[in-house]
């Protein structure tokens, strides 16, 4: 992974369908959450970009029920998190077998570019 600054087109444009799914598959998952609603399942993931270290995406997978009460194919979308939100996820430390060992990751703040 490189620590280069992303271009503004990447930051400003949400991704949908296969593009959002690709971020989910190739990036590093930092956080996940699920909602089981009556009419839909919604999974949200915070994913570190597979190409730009410190760039964090919020990826949503939504699967709704149709009028026959059957689930449709899931839809995928992804948007870049603002700097202050992204920093929250990058500062979390992974569990370590050594107890006191902490890993800190570099966060690419968009204002530095």
PDB file of N, CA and C in Angstrom:
ATOM      1  N   UNK A   1       0.832  -1.179   0.000  1.00  0.00           N
ATOM      2  CA  UNK A   1       0.000   0.000   0.000  1.00  0.00           C
ATOM      3  C   UNK A   1       0.876   1.240   0.000  1.00  0.00           C
ATOM      4  N   UNK A   2       0.485   2.244  -0.705  1.00  0.00           N
ATOM      5  CA  UNK A   2       1.245   3.479  -0.708  1.00  0.00           C
ATOM      6  C   UNK A   2       0.537   4.509   0.147  1.00  0.00           C
ATOM      7  N   UNK A   3       1.308   5.478   0.605  1.00  0.00           N
ATOM      8  CA  UNK A   3       0.739   6.533   1.432  1.00  0.00           C
ATOM      9  C   UNK A   3       0.566   7.794   0.604  1.00  0.00           C
ATOM     10  N   UNK A   4       0.211   7.647  -0.650  1.00  0.00           N
ATOM     11  CA  UNK A   4       0.034   8.798  -1.523  1.00  0.00           C
ATOM     12  C   UNK A   4      -1.327   9.420  -1.293  1.00  0.00           C
ATOM     13  N   UNK A   5      -1.457  10.663  -1.689  1.00  0.00           N
ATOM     14  CA  UNK A   5      -2.732  11.357  -1.553  1.00  0.00           C
ATOM     15  C   UNK A   5      -3.672  10.919  -2.678  1.00  0.00           C
ATOM     16  N   UNK A   6      -4.930  10.671  -2.341  1.00  0.00           N
ATOM     17  CA  UNK A   6      -5.892  10.304  -3.381  1.00  0.00           C
ATOM     18  C   UNK A   6      -6.265  11.526  -4.200  1.00  0.00           C
ATOM     19  N   UNK A   7      -6.672  11.305  -5.452  1.00  0.00           N
ATOM     20  CA  UNK A   7      -7.122  12.454  -6.225  1.00  0.00           C
ATOM     21  C   UNK A   7      -8.535  12.828  -5.789  1.00  0.00           C
ATOM     22  N   UNK A   8      -8.918  14.064  -6.035  1.00  0.00           N
ATOM     23  CA  UNK A   8     -10.203  14.583  -5.550  1.00  0.00           C
ATOM     24  C   UNK A   8     -11.396  13.859  -6.159  1.00  0.00           C
ATOM     25  N   UNK A   9     -11.238  13.318  -7.357  1.00  0.00           N
ATOM     26  CA  UNK A   9     -12.330  12.582  -7.990  1.00  0.00           C
ATOM     27  C   UNK A   9     -12.706  11.355  -7.153  1.00  0.00           C
ATOM     28  N   UNK A  10     -11.719  10.686  -6.599  1.00  0.00           N
ATOM     29  CA  UNK A  10     -11.961   9.510  -5.751  1.00  0.00           C
ATOM     30  C   UNK A  10     -12.707   9.923  -4.492  1.00  0.00           C
ATOM     31  N   UNK A  11     -12.300  11.012  -3.883  1.00  0.00           N
ATOM     32  CA  UNK A  11     -12.877  11.457  -2.614  1.00  0.00           C
ATOM     33  C   UNK A  11     -14.315  11.918  -2.785  1.00  0.00           C
ATOM     34  N   UNK A  12     -14.597  12.653  -3.843  1.00  0.00           N
ATOM     35  CA  UNK A  12     -15.903  13.281  -4.019  1.00  0.00           C
ATOM     36  C   UNK A  12     -16.968  12.390  -4.638  1.00  0.00           C
ATOM     37  N   UNK A  13     -16.583  11.276  -5.230  1.00  0.00           N
ATOM     38  CA  UNK A  13     -17.590  10.476  -5.921  1.00  0.00           C
ATOM     39  C   UNK A  13     -17.842   9.162  -5.194  1.00  0.00           C
ATOM     40  N   UNK A  14     -19.097   8.942  -4.793  1.00  0.00           N
ATOM     41  CA  UNK A  14     -19.432   7.651  -4.186  1.00  0.00           C
ATOM     42  C   UNK A  14     -19.288   6.535  -5.211  1.00  0.00           C
ATOM     43  N   UNK A  15     -19.140   5.318  -4.729  1.00  0.00           N
ATOM     44  CA  UNK A  15     -19.049   4.146  -5.590  1.00  0.00           C
ATOM     45  C   UNK A  15     -20.288   3.293  -5.373  1.00  0.00           C
ATOM     46  N   UNK A  16     -20.716   2.621  -6.422  1.00  0.00           N
ATOM     47  CA  UNK A  16     -21.916   1.782  -6.348  1.00  0.00           C
ATOM     48  C   UNK A  16     -21.646   0.436  -7.010  1.00  0.00           C
ATOM     49  N   UNK A  17     -22.461  -0.551  -6.646  1.00  0.00           N
ATOM     50  CA  UNK A  17     -22.411  -1.864  -7.289  1.00  0.00           C
ATOM     51  C   UNK A  17     -21.063  -2.528  -7.195  1.00  0.00           C
ATOM     52  N   UNK A  18     -20.545  -3.028  -8.338  1.00  0.00           N
ATOM     53  CA  UNK A  18     -19.284  -3.766  -8.342  1.00  0.00           C
ATOM     54  C   UNK A  18     -18.092  -2.957  -7.816  1.00  0.00           C
ATOM     55  N   UNK A  19     -18.098  -1.632  -8.026  1.00  0.00           N
ATOM     56  CA  UNK A  19     -16.991  -0.803  -7.541  1.00  0.00           C
ATOM     57  C   UNK A  19     -16.960  -0.782  -6.012  1.00  0.00           C
ATOM     58  N   UNK A  20     -18.121  -0.666  -5.377  1.00  0.00           N
ATOM     59  CA  UNK A  20     -18.193  -0.676  -3.914  1.00  0.00           C
ATOM     60  C   UNK A  20     -17.845  -2.065  -3.375  1.00  0.00           C
ATOM     61  N   UNK A  21     -18.309  -3.102  -4.047  1.00  0.00           N
ATOM     62  CA  UNK A  21     -18.010  -4.470  -3.645  1.00  0.00           C
ATOM     63  C   UNK A  21     -16.504  -4.747  -3.724  1.00  0.00           C
ATOM     64  N   UNK A  22     -15.849  -4.196  -4.719  1.00  0.00           N
ATOM     65  CA  UNK A  22     -14.407  -4.374  -4.864  1.00  0.00           C
ATOM     66  C   UNK A  22     -13.649  -3.744  -3.693  1.00  0.00           C
ATOM     67  N   UNK A  23     -14.073  -2.564  -3.250  1.00  0.00           N
ATOM     68  CA  UNK A  23     -13.449  -1.930  -2.086  1.00  0.00           C
ATOM     69  C   UNK A  23     -13.601  -2.838  -0.868  1.00  0.00           C
ATOM     70  N   UNK A  24     -14.800  -3.392  -0.703  1.00  0.00           N
ATOM     71  CA  UNK A  24     -15.065  -4.300   0.416  1.00  0.00           C
ATOM     72  C   UNK A  24     -14.163  -5.542   0.354  1.00  0.00           C
ATOM     73  N   UNK A  25     -14.029  -6.120  -0.822  1.00  0.00           N
ATOM     74  CA  UNK A  25     -13.258  -7.360  -0.966  1.00  0.00           C
ATOM     75  C   UNK A  25     -11.747  -7.144  -0.830  1.00  0.00           C
ATOM     76  N   UNK A  26     -11.229  -6.032  -1.371  1.00  0.00           N
ATOM     77  CA  UNK A  26      -9.785  -5.835  -1.419  1.00  0.00           C
ATOM     78  C   UNK A  26      -9.226  -5.018  -0.259  1.00  0.00           C
ATOM     79  N   UNK A  27     -10.069  -4.197   0.368  1.00  0.00           N
ATOM     80  CA  UNK A  27      -9.593  -3.341   1.453  1.00  0.00           C
ATOM     81  C   UNK A  27      -9.521  -4.071   2.783  1.00  0.00           C
ATOM     82  N   UNK A  28      -8.972  -3.384   3.777  1.00  0.00           N
ATOM     83  CA  UNK A  28      -8.837  -3.945   5.129  1.00  0.00           C
ATOM     84  C   UNK A  28     -10.023  -3.494   5.966  1.00  0.00           C
ATOM     85  N   UNK A  29     -10.785  -4.454   6.497  1.00  0.00           N
ATOM     86  CA  UNK A  29     -11.965  -4.146   7.309  1.00  0.00           C
ATOM     87  C   UNK A  29     -11.527  -3.704   8.694  1.00  0.00           C
ATOM     88  N   UNK A  30     -11.961  -2.490   9.088  1.00  0.00           N
ATOM     89  CA  UNK A  30     -11.615  -1.938  10.393  1.00  0.00           C
ATOM     90  C   UNK A  30     -12.770  -2.053  11.378  1.00  0.00           C
ATOM     91  N   UNK A  31     -14.004  -2.036  10.864  1.00  0.00           N
ATOM     92  CA  UNK A  31     -15.184  -2.063  11.724  1.00  0.00           C
ATOM     93  C   UNK A  31     -16.353  -2.573  10.905  1.00  0.00           C
ATOM     94  N   UNK A  32     -17.252  -3.313  11.553  1.00  0.00           N
ATOM     95  CA  UNK A  32     -18.462  -3.768  10.858  1.00  0.00           C
ATOM     96  C   UNK A  32     -19.643  -3.667  11.816  1.00  0.00           C
ATOM     97  N   UNK A  33     -20.809  -3.458  11.240  1.00  0.00           N
ATOM     98  CA  UNK A  33     -22.043  -3.333  12.012  1.00  0.00           C
ATOM     99  C   UNK A  33     -23.182  -3.881  11.158  1.00  0.00           C
ATOM    100  N   UNK A  34     -24.193  -4.462  11.812  1.00  0.00           N
ATOM    101  CA  UNK A  34     -25.341  -4.965  11.058  1.00  0.00           C
ATOM    102  C   UNK A  34     -26.630  -4.504  11.710  1.00  0.00           C
ATOM    103  N   UNK A  35     -27.631  -4.309  10.875  1.00  0.00           N
ATOM    104  CA  UNK A  35     -28.981  -3.968  11.322  1.00  0.00           C
ATOM    105  C   UNK A  35     -29.938  -4.954  10.674  1.00  0.00           C
ATOM    106  N   UNK A  36     -30.722  -5.611  11.494  1.00  0.00           N
ATOM    107  CA  UNK A  36     -31.721  -6.550  10.992  1.00  0.00           C
ATOM    108  C   UNK A  36     -33.082  -5.888  11.164  1.00  0.00           C
ATOM    109  N   UNK A  37     -33.513  -5.200  10.143  1.00  0.00           N
ATOM    110  CA  UNK A  37     -34.807  -4.523  10.161  1.00  0.00           C
ATOM    111  C   UNK A  37     -35.857  -5.452   9.568  1.00  0.00           C
ATOM    112  N   UNK A  38     -37.093  -5.184   9.791  1.00  0.00           N
ATOM    113  CA  UNK A  38     -38.141  -6.044   9.251  1.00  0.00           C
ATOM    114  C   UNK A  38     -38.096  -6.087   7.722  1.00  0.00           C
ATOM    115  N   UNK A  39     -37.881  -4.936   7.108  1.00  0.00           N
ATOM    116  CA  UNK A  39     -37.938  -4.866   5.645  1.00  0.00           C
ATOM    117  C   UNK A  39     -36.576  -4.960   4.959  1.00  0.00           C
ATOM    118  N   UNK A  40     -35.482  -5.038   5.749  1.00  0.00           N
ATOM    119  CA  UNK A  40     -34.160  -5.087   5.120  1.00  0.00           C
ATOM    120  C   UNK A  40     -33.084  -5.534   6.107  1.00  0.00           C
ATOM    121  N   UNK A  41     -32.007  -6.068   5.526  1.00  0.00           N
ATOM    122  CA  UNK A  41     -30.764  -6.297   6.253  1.00  0.00           C
ATOM    123  C   UNK A  41     -29.794  -5.231   5.761  1.00  0.00           C
ATOM    124  N   UNK A  42     -29.139  -4.542   6.687  1.00  0.00           N
ATOM    125  CA  UNK A  42     -28.160  -3.528   6.305  1.00  0.00           C
ATOM    126  C   UNK A  42     -26.861  -3.812   7.042  1.00  0.00           C
ATOM    127  N   UNK A  43     -25.805  -4.012   6.278  1.00  0.00           N
ATOM    128  CA  UNK A  43     -24.469  -4.212   6.840  1.00  0.00           C
ATOM    129  C   UNK A  43     -23.631  -2.996   6.481  1.00  0.00           C
ATOM    130  N   UNK A  44     -22.932  -2.445   7.469  1.00  0.00           N
ATOM    131  CA  UNK A  44     -22.024  -1.333   7.177  1.00  0.00           C
ATOM    132  C   UNK A  44     -20.617  -1.736   7.599  1.00  0.00           C
ATOM    133  N   UNK A  45     -19.668  -1.357   6.782  1.00  0.00           N
ATOM    134  CA  UNK A  45     -18.268  -1.684   7.008  1.00  0.00           C
ATOM    135  C   UNK A  45     -17.447  -0.410   6.861  1.00  0.00           C
ATOM    136  N   UNK A  46     -16.435  -0.252   7.693  1.00  0.00           N
ATOM    137  CA  UNK A  46     -15.450   0.798   7.497  1.00  0.00           C
ATOM    138  C   UNK A  46     -14.192   0.089   7.009  1.00  0.00           C
ATOM    139  N   UNK A  47     -13.794   0.446   5.795  1.00  0.00           N
ATOM    140  CA  UNK A  47     -12.746  -0.268   5.068  1.00  0.00           C
ATOM    141  C   UNK A  47     -11.620   0.695   4.705  1.00  0.00           C
ATOM    142  N   UNK A  48     -10.377   0.268   4.970  1.00  0.00           N
ATOM    143  CA  UNK A  48      -9.242   1.053   4.507  1.00  0.00           C
ATOM    144  C   UNK A  48      -9.034   0.765   3.025  1.00  0.00           C
ATOM    145  N   UNK A  49      -8.881   1.823   2.247  1.00  0.00           N
ATOM    146  CA  UNK A  49      -8.703   1.703   0.797  1.00  0.00           C
ATOM    147  C   UNK A  49      -7.548   0.749   0.489  1.00  0.00           C
ATOM    148  N   UNK A  50      -7.736  -0.157  -0.473  1.00  0.00           N
ATOM    149  CA  UNK A  50      -6.665  -1.107  -0.793  1.00  0.00           C
ATOM    150  C   UNK A  50      -5.445  -0.464  -1.441  1.00  0.00           C
ATOM    151  N   UNK A  51      -5.569   0.758  -1.964  1.00  0.00           N
ATOM    152  CA  UNK A  51      -4.455   1.410  -2.653  1.00  0.00           C
ATOM    153  C   UNK A  51      -3.891   2.605  -1.901  1.00  0.00           C
ATOM    154  N   UNK A  52      -4.715   3.274  -1.075  1.00  0.00           N
ATOM    155  CA  UNK A  52      -4.285   4.488  -0.377  1.00  0.00           C
ATOM    156  C   UNK A  52      -4.392   4.266   1.120  1.00  0.00           C
ATOM    157  N   UNK A  53      -3.256   4.107   1.766  1.00  0.00           N
ATOM    158  CA  UNK A  53      -3.225   3.879   3.209  1.00  0.00           C
ATOM    159  C   UNK A  53      -3.829   5.078   3.936  1.00  0.00           C
ATOM    160  N   UNK A  54      -4.736   4.820   4.872  1.00  0.00           N
ATOM    161  CA  UNK A  54      -5.355   5.876   5.663  1.00  0.00           C
ATOM    162  C   UNK A  54      -6.635   6.444   5.076  1.00  0.00           C
ATOM    163  N   UNK A  55      -6.970   6.097   3.843  1.00  0.00           N
ATOM    164  CA  UNK A  55      -8.233   6.543   3.240  1.00  0.00           C
ATOM    165  C   UNK A  55      -9.298   5.518   3.617  1.00  0.00           C
ATOM    166  N   UNK A  56     -10.322   5.970   4.346  1.00  0.00           N
ATOM    167  CA  UNK A  56     -11.324   5.063   4.897  1.00  0.00           C
ATOM    168  C   UNK A  56     -12.655   5.257   4.182  1.00  0.00           C
ATOM    169  N   UNK A  57     -13.240   4.151   3.749  1.00  0.00           N
ATOM    170  CA  UNK A  57     -14.545   4.129   3.086  1.00  0.00           C
ATOM    171  C   UNK A  57     -15.590   3.566   4.034  1.00  0.00           C
ATOM    172  N   UNK A  58     -16.793   4.085   3.955  1.00  0.00           N
ATOM    173  CA  UNK A  58     -17.938   3.433   4.586  1.00  0.00           C
ATOM    174  C   UNK A  58     -18.659   2.690   3.468  1.00  0.00           C
ATOM    175  N   UNK A  59     -18.676   1.366   3.560  1.00  0.00           N
ATOM    176  CA  UNK A  59     -19.299   0.528   2.543  1.00  0.00           C
ATOM    177  C   UNK A  59     -20.593  -0.036   3.124  1.00  0.00           C
ATOM    178  N   UNK A  60     -21.696   0.131   2.390  1.00  0.00           N
ATOM    179  CA  UNK A  60     -23.000  -0.371   2.828  1.00  0.00           C
ATOM    180  C   UNK A  60     -23.480  -1.481   1.904  1.00  0.00           C
ATOM    181  N   UNK A  61     -23.971  -2.542   2.518  1.00  0.00           N
ATOM    182  CA  UNK A  61     -24.613  -3.642   1.789  1.00  0.00           C
ATOM    183  C   UNK A  61     -26.049  -3.699   2.289  1.00  0.00           C
ATOM    184  N   UNK A  62     -26.984  -3.454   1.397  1.00  0.00           N
ATOM    185  CA  UNK A  62     -28.400  -3.410   1.766  1.00  0.00           C
ATOM    186  C   UNK A  62     -29.170  -4.460   0.978  1.00  0.00           C
ATOM    187  N   UNK A  63     -29.953  -5.247   1.695  1.00  0.00           N
ATOM    188  CA  UNK A  63     -30.769  -6.269   1.044  1.00  0.00           C
ATOM    189  C   UNK A  63     -32.206  -6.101   1.534  1.00  0.00           C
ATOM    190  N   UNK A  64     -33.090  -5.683   0.637  1.00  0.00           N
ATOM    191  CA  UNK A  64     -34.485  -5.384   0.977  1.00  0.00           C
ATOM    192  C   UNK A  64     -35.418  -6.526   0.594  1.00  0.00           C
ATOM    193  N   UNK A  65     -36.570  -6.541   1.259  1.00  0.00           N
ATOM    194  CA  UNK A  65     -37.630  -7.482   0.894  1.00  0.00           C
ATOM    195  C   UNK A  65     -38.495  -6.861  -0.186  1.00  0.00           C
ATOM    196  N   UNK A  66     -39.018  -7.710  -1.067  1.00  0.00           N
ATOM    197  CA  UNK A  66     -39.940  -7.213  -2.091  1.00  0.00           C
ATOM    198  C   UNK A  66     -41.383  -7.417  -1.624  1.00  0.00           C
ATOM    199  N   UNK A  67     -42.337  -7.144  -2.503  1.00  0.00           N
ATOM    200  CA  UNK A  67     -43.763  -7.248  -2.136  1.00  0.00           C
ATOM    201  C   UNK A  67     -44.195  -8.678  -1.814  1.00  0.00           C
ATOM    202  N   UNK A  68     -43.432  -9.677  -2.271  1.00  0.00           N
ATOM    203  CA  UNK A  68     -43.759 -11.080  -1.956  1.00  0.00           C
ATOM    204  C   UNK A  68     -43.030 -11.563  -0.703  1.00  0.00           C
ATOM    205  N   UNK A  69     -42.436 -10.610   0.034  1.00  0.00           N
ATOM    206  CA  UNK A  69     -41.742 -10.893   1.282  1.00  0.00           C
ATOM    207  C   UNK A  69     -40.473 -11.727   1.077  1.00  0.00           C
ATOM    208  N   UNK A  70     -39.882 -11.639  -0.118  1.00  0.00           N
ATOM    209  CA  UNK A  70     -38.639 -12.342  -0.424  1.00  0.00           C
ATOM    210  C   UNK A  70     -37.519 -11.315  -0.561  1.00  0.00           C
ATOM    211  N   UNK A  71     -36.322 -11.701  -0.155  1.00  0.00           N
ATOM    212  CA  UNK A  71     -35.200 -10.774  -0.238  1.00  0.00           C
ATOM    213  C   UNK A  71     -34.686 -10.650  -1.664  1.00  0.00           C
ATOM    214  N   UNK A  72     -34.425  -9.410  -2.064  1.00  0.00           N
ATOM    215  CA  UNK A  72     -33.867  -9.117  -3.380  1.00  0.00           C
ATOM    216  C   UNK A  72     -32.346  -9.239  -3.327  1.00  0.00           C
ATOM    217  N   UNK A  73     -31.716  -9.086  -4.482  1.00  0.00           N
ATOM    218  CA  UNK A  73     -30.252  -9.086  -4.535  1.00  0.00           C
ATOM    219  C   UNK A  73     -29.737  -7.893  -3.724  1.00  0.00           C
ATOM    220  N   UNK A  74     -28.615  -8.042  -3.039  1.00  0.00           N
ATOM    221  CA  UNK A  74     -28.084  -6.912  -2.256  1.00  0.00           C
ATOM    222  C   UNK A  74     -27.574  -5.797  -3.163  1.00  0.00           C
ATOM    223  N   UNK A  75     -27.638  -4.573  -2.652  1.00  0.00           N
ATOM    224  CA  UNK A  75     -27.051  -3.426  -3.340  1.00  0.00           C
ATOM    225  C   UNK A  75     -25.869  -2.946  -2.504  1.00  0.00           C
ATOM    226  N   UNK A  76     -24.850  -2.458  -3.178  1.00  0.00           N
ATOM    227  CA  UNK A  76     -23.624  -2.006  -2.535  1.00  0.00           C
ATOM    228  C   UNK A  76     -23.383  -0.536  -2.848  1.00  0.00           C
ATOM    229  N   UNK A  77     -22.888   0.210  -1.852  1.00  0.00           N
ATOM    230  CA  UNK A  77     -22.476   1.601  -2.063  1.00  0.00           C
ATOM    231  C   UNK A  77     -21.308   1.900  -1.130  1.00  0.00           C
ATOM    232  N   UNK A  78     -20.498   2.892  -1.508  1.00  0.00           N
ATOM    233  CA  UNK A  78     -19.334   3.260  -0.695  1.00  0.00           C
ATOM    234  C   UNK A  78     -19.082   4.755  -0.811  1.00  0.00           C
ATOM    235  N   UNK A  79     -18.783   5.379   0.321  1.00  0.00           N
ATOM    236  CA  UNK A  79     -18.404   6.791   0.345  1.00  0.00           C
ATOM    237  C   UNK A  79     -17.177   6.956   1.248  1.00  0.00           C
ATOM    238  N   UNK A  80     -16.348   7.944   0.933  1.00  0.00           N
ATOM    239  CA  UNK A  80     -15.161   8.227   1.735  1.00  0.00           C
ATOM    240  C   UNK A  80     -15.590   8.951   3.003  1.00  0.00           C
ATOM    241  N   UNK A  81     -15.040   8.507   4.149  1.00  0.00           N
ATOM    242  CA  UNK A  81     -15.330   9.172   5.411  1.00  0.00           C
ATOM    243  C   UNK A  81     -14.519  10.454   5.539  1.00  0.00           C
ATOM    244  N   UNK A  82     -15.090  11.485   6.180  1.00  0.00           N
ATOM    245  CA  UNK A  82     -14.320  12.704   6.453  1.00  0.00           C
ATOM    246  C   UNK A  82     -13.130  12.388   7.376  1.00  0.00           C
ATOM    247  N   UNK A  83     -12.125  13.257   7.382  1.00  0.00           N
ATOM    248  CA  UNK A  83     -10.901  13.038   8.158  1.00  0.00           C
ATOM    249  C   UNK A  83     -11.157  12.675   9.615  1.00  0.00           C
ATOM    250  N   UNK A  84     -12.031  13.457  10.295  1.00  0.00           N
ATOM    251  CA  UNK A  84     -12.225  13.218  11.723  1.00  0.00           C
ATOM    252  C   UNK A  84     -12.881  11.866  11.999  1.00  0.00           C
ATOM    253  N   UNK A  85     -13.748  11.412  11.112  1.00  0.00           N
ATOM    254  CA  UNK A  85     -14.364  10.080  11.254  1.00  0.00           C
ATOM    255  C   UNK A  85     -13.341   8.992  10.964  1.00  0.00           C
ATOM    256  N   UNK A  86     -12.560   9.169   9.923  1.00  0.00           N
ATOM    257  CA  UNK A  86     -11.556   8.173   9.531  1.00  0.00           C
ATOM    258  C   UNK A  86     -10.534   7.973  10.644  1.00  0.00           C
ATOM    259  N   UNK A  87     -10.119   9.035  11.306  1.00  0.00           N
ATOM    260  CA  UNK A  87      -9.114   8.943  12.361  1.00  0.00           C
ATOM    261  C   UNK A  87      -9.595   8.064  13.510  1.00  0.00           C
ATOM    262  N   UNK A  88     -10.880   8.066  13.806  1.00  0.00           N
ATOM    263  CA  UNK A  88     -11.422   7.241  14.887  1.00  0.00           C
ATOM    264  C   UNK A  88     -11.159   5.764  14.643  1.00  0.00           C
ATOM    265  N   UNK A  89     -11.274   5.328  13.412  1.00  0.00           N
ATOM    266  CA  UNK A  89     -11.112   3.917  13.092  1.00  0.00           C
ATOM    267  C   UNK A  89      -9.654   3.523  12.950  1.00  0.00           C
ATOM    268  N   UNK A  90      -8.811   4.434  12.540  1.00  0.00           N
ATOM    269  CA  UNK A  90      -7.399   4.114  12.368  1.00  0.00           C
ATOM    270  C   UNK A  90      -6.656   4.061  13.698  1.00  0.00           C
ATOM    271  N   UNK A  91      -7.151   4.690  14.740  1.00  0.00           N
ATOM    272  CA  UNK A  91      -6.459   4.708  16.024  1.00  0.00           C
ATOM    273  C   UNK A  91      -6.743   3.473  16.867  1.00  0.00           C
ATOM    274  N   UNK A  92      -7.730   2.677  16.491  1.00  0.00           N
ATOM    275  CA  UNK A  92      -8.017   1.460  17.242  1.00  0.00           C
ATOM    276  C   UNK A  92      -6.861   0.492  17.069  1.00  0.00           C
ATOM    277  N   UNK A  93      -6.467  -0.145  18.154  1.00  0.00           N
ATOM    278  CA  UNK A  93      -5.347  -1.071  18.091  1.00  0.00           C
ATOM    279  C   UNK A  93      -5.851  -2.495  18.007  1.00  0.00           C
ATOM    280  N   UNK A  94      -5.190  -3.334  17.217  1.00  0.00           N
ATOM    281  CA  UNK A  94      -5.605  -4.742  17.129  1.00  0.00           C
ATOM    282  C   UNK A  94      -5.231  -5.479  18.404  1.00  0.00           C
ATOM    283  N   UNK A  95      -5.905  -6.600  18.660  1.00  0.00           N
ATOM    284  CA  UNK A  95      -5.569  -7.426  19.820  1.00  0.00           C
ATOM    285  C   UNK A  95      -4.192  -8.027  19.593  1.00  0.00           C
ATOM    286  N   UNK A  96      -3.429  -8.061  20.637  1.00  0.00           N
ATOM    287  CA  UNK A  96      -2.075  -8.572  20.525  1.00  0.00           C
ATOM    288  C   UNK A  96      -1.829  -9.623  21.594  1.00  0.00           C
ATOM    289  N   UNK A  97      -1.071 -10.635  21.248  1.00  0.00           N
ATOM    290  CA  UNK A  97      -0.740 -11.664  22.218  1.00  0.00           C
ATOM    291  C   UNK A  97       0.300 -11.170  23.215  1.00  0.00           C
ATOM    292  N   UNK A  98       0.951 -10.045  22.918  1.00  0.00           N
ATOM    293  CA  UNK A  98       1.973  -9.506  23.807  1.00  0.00           C
ATOM    294  C   UNK A  98       1.400  -8.523  24.823  1.00  0.00           C
ATOM    295  N   UNK A  99       0.124  -8.261  24.798  1.00  0.00           N
ATOM    296  CA  UNK A  99      -0.537  -7.408  25.781  1.00  0.00           C
ATOM    297  C   UNK A  99      -0.283  -5.926  25.607  1.00  0.00           C
ATOM    298  N   UNK A 100       0.956  -5.471  25.793  1.00  0.00           N
ATOM    299  CA  UNK A 100       1.216  -4.029  25.784  1.00  0.00           C
ATOM    300  C   UNK A 100       1.634  -3.506  24.409  1.00  0.00           C
ATOM    301  N   UNK A 101       1.837  -4.384  23.433  1.00  0.00           N
ATOM    302  CA  UNK A 101       2.258  -3.965  22.090  1.00  0.00           C
ATOM    303  C   UNK A 101       1.110  -3.258  21.383  1.00  0.00           C
ATOM    304  N   UNK A 102       1.345  -2.025  20.949  1.00  0.00           N
ATOM    305  CA  UNK A 102       0.315  -1.269  20.238  1.00  0.00           C
ATOM    306  C   UNK A 102       0.820  -0.922  18.852  1.00  0.00           C
ATOM    307  N   UNK A 103      -0.075  -1.025  17.880  1.00  0.00           N
ATOM    308  CA  UNK A 103       0.258  -0.694  16.502  1.00  0.00           C
ATOM    309  C   UNK A 103      -0.487   0.575  16.134  1.00  0.00           C
ATOM    310  N   UNK A 104       0.237   1.561  15.634  1.00  0.00           N
ATOM    311  CA  UNK A 104      -0.402   2.793  15.179  1.00  0.00           C
ATOM    312  C   UNK A 104      -0.259   2.860  13.674  1.00  0.00           C
ATOM    313  N   UNK A 105      -1.305   3.290  13.002  1.00  0.00           N
ATOM    314  CA  UNK A 105      -1.305   3.383  11.550  1.00  0.00           C
ATOM    315  C   UNK A 105      -1.274   4.851  11.145  1.00  0.00           C
ATOM    316  N   UNK A 106      -0.658   5.111  10.008  1.00  0.00           N
ATOM    317  CA  UNK A 106      -0.640   6.448   9.453  1.00  0.00           C
ATOM    318  C   UNK A 106      -1.986   6.731   8.817  1.00  0.00           C
ATOM    319  N   UNK A 107      -2.524   7.910   9.068  1.00  0.00           N
ATOM    320  CA  UNK A 107      -3.768   8.339   8.466  1.00  0.00           C
ATOM    321  C   UNK A 107      -3.451   9.447   7.473  1.00  0.00           C
ATOM    322  N   UNK A 108      -3.926   9.325   6.257  1.00  0.00           N
ATOM    323  CA  UNK A 108      -3.734  10.359   5.250  1.00  0.00           C
ATOM    324  C   UNK A 108      -4.872  11.353   5.366  1.00  0.00           C
ATOM    325  N   UNK A 109      -4.576  12.508   5.934  1.00  0.00           N
ATOM    326  CA  UNK A 109      -5.584  13.552   6.050  1.00  0.00           C
ATOM    327  C   UNK A 109      -5.674  14.289   4.726  1.00  0.00           C
ATOM    328  N   UNK A 110      -6.881  14.484   4.274  1.00  0.00           N
ATOM    329  CA  UNK A 110      -7.079  15.067   2.955  1.00  0.00           C
ATOM    330  C   UNK A 110      -6.578  16.498   2.879  1.00  0.00           C
ATOM    331  N   UNK A 111      -6.530  17.199   3.998  1.00  0.00           N
ATOM    332  CA  UNK A 111      -6.035  18.574   4.018  1.00  0.00           C
ATOM    333  C   UNK A 111      -4.545  18.663   3.784  1.00  0.00           C
ATOM    334  N   UNK A 112      -3.805  17.555   3.965  1.00  0.00           N
ATOM    335  CA  UNK A 112      -2.359  17.542   3.762  1.00  0.00           C
ATOM    336  C   UNK A 112      -1.980  17.408   2.300  1.00  0.00           C
ATOM    337  N   UNK A 113      -2.894  17.060   1.461  1.00  0.00           N
ATOM    338  CA  UNK A 113      -2.594  16.789   0.047  1.00  0.00           C
ATOM    339  C   UNK A 113      -2.389  18.072  -0.725  1.00  0.00           C
TER     340      UNK A 113
END
